[in-house]
Amino acid sequence: MSTNNNPAGTPKTMRAIFGIVMIIVYIGVGILFLTGFFAPIYGSWEWVRWVGGIIFIVYGIWRAYRQFAGVDSPY
């Protein structure tokens, strides 16, 4: 009764946990960009704040879709 269906040896549960953590990280960084948390990094380039925040949030949503729909899991 093993949850190890991956020939590389990574358990399915660990891949799922890592995927959920990365979804939270991407959406969290996107929100931090939009709130101006990284203002010292981009300085006067205000458009980086909006573009970066939106891209991180959209990518986090895309990863969530792939994670929960099982699109990229060949196992």
Protein backbone atom coordinates (compact mmCIF):
# COMPACT_ATOMS: atom_id res chain seq x y z
CA MET A 1 0.00 0.00 0.00
CA SER A 2 2.44 2.60 -1.24
CA THR A 3 1.65 6.10 -2.43
CA ASN A 4 4.84 6.04 -4.48
CA ASN A 5 3.59 5.86 -8.07
CA ASN A 6 6.46 7.85 -9.52
CA PRO A 7 9.45 5.92 -10.89
CA ALA A 8 11.74 8.71 -9.62
CA GLY A 9 10.69 7.91 -6.06
CA THR A 10 8.75 11.07 -5.15
CA PRO A 11 5.60 10.19 -3.22
CA LYS A 12 2.34 11.48 -4.61
CA THR A 13 1.45 13.16 -1.31
CA MET A 14 4.70 15.11 -1.20
CA ARG A 15 4.19 16.35 -4.77
CA ALA A 16 0.67 17.49 -3.83
CA ILE A 17 1.87 19.34 -0.71
CA PHE A 18 4.69 21.03 -2.65
CA GLY A 19 2.23 22.07 -5.37
CA ILE A 20 -0.15 23.65 -2.85
CA VAL A 21 2.71 25.49 -1.11
CA MET A 22 3.90 26.89 -4.45
CA ILE A 23 0.37 28.08 -5.29
CA ILE A 24 0.27 29.98 -1.99
CA VAL A 25 3.75 31.43 -2.63
CA TYR A 26 2.94 32.67 -6.15
CA ILE A 27 -0.37 34.26 -5.17
CA GLY A 28 1.19 35.73 -2.01
CA VAL A 29 4.08 37.32 -3.90
CA GLY A 30 1.60 38.70 -6.45
CA ILE A 31 -0.42 40.32 -3.67
CA LEU A 32 2.75 41.72 -2.11
CA PHE A 33 3.72 43.22 -5.47
CA LEU A 34 0.32 44.88 -5.83
CA THR A 35 0.43 46.33 -2.32
CA GLY A 36 3.85 47.90 -2.90
CA PHE A 37 5.85 45.69 -0.54
CA PHE A 38 8.73 45.47 -3.03
CA ALA A 39 8.86 49.21 -3.77
CA PRO A 40 12.59 49.53 -2.97
CA ILE A 41 13.35 46.97 -5.68
CA TYR A 42 11.55 48.55 -8.63
CA GLY A 43 11.90 52.17 -7.56
CA SER A 44 10.27 54.60 -9.97
CA TRP A 45 9.15 51.89 -12.41
CA GLU A 46 5.57 51.74 -11.15
CA TRP A 47 4.45 49.54 -14.05
CA VAL A 48 6.61 46.69 -12.72
CA ARG A 49 4.43 46.61 -9.62
CA TRP A 50 1.25 46.07 -11.62
CA VAL A 51 2.64 43.76 -14.29
CA GLY A 52 4.59 41.63 -11.81
CA GLY A 53 1.68 41.35 -9.40
CA ILE A 54 -0.81 40.38 -12.07
CA ILE A 55 1.55 37.84 -13.66
CA PHE A 56 2.30 36.16 -10.32
CA ILE A 57 -1.38 35.95 -9.40
CA VAL A 58 -2.44 34.63 -12.82
CA TYR A 59 0.33 32.04 -12.77
CA GLY A 60 -0.67 30.99 -9.25
CA ILE A 61 -4.26 30.50 -10.41
CA TRP A 62 -3.01 28.52 -13.45
CA ARG A 63 -0.93 26.27 -11.19
CA ALA A 64 -3.94 25.78 -8.91
CA TYR A 65 -6.05 24.72 -11.88
CA ARG A 66 -3.39 22.25 -13.05
CA GLN A 67 -2.87 20.94 -9.52
CA PHE A 68 -6.50 20.27 -8.69
CA ALA A 69 -7.60 19.17 -12.17
CA GLY A 70 -4.66 16.76 -12.42
CA VAL A 71 -3.67 18.09 -15.84
CA ASP A 72 0.09 17.70 -15.49
CA SER A 73 0.17 14.51 -13.42
CA PRO A 74 1.02 11.52 -15.62
CA TYR A 75 0.52 9.10 -12.70
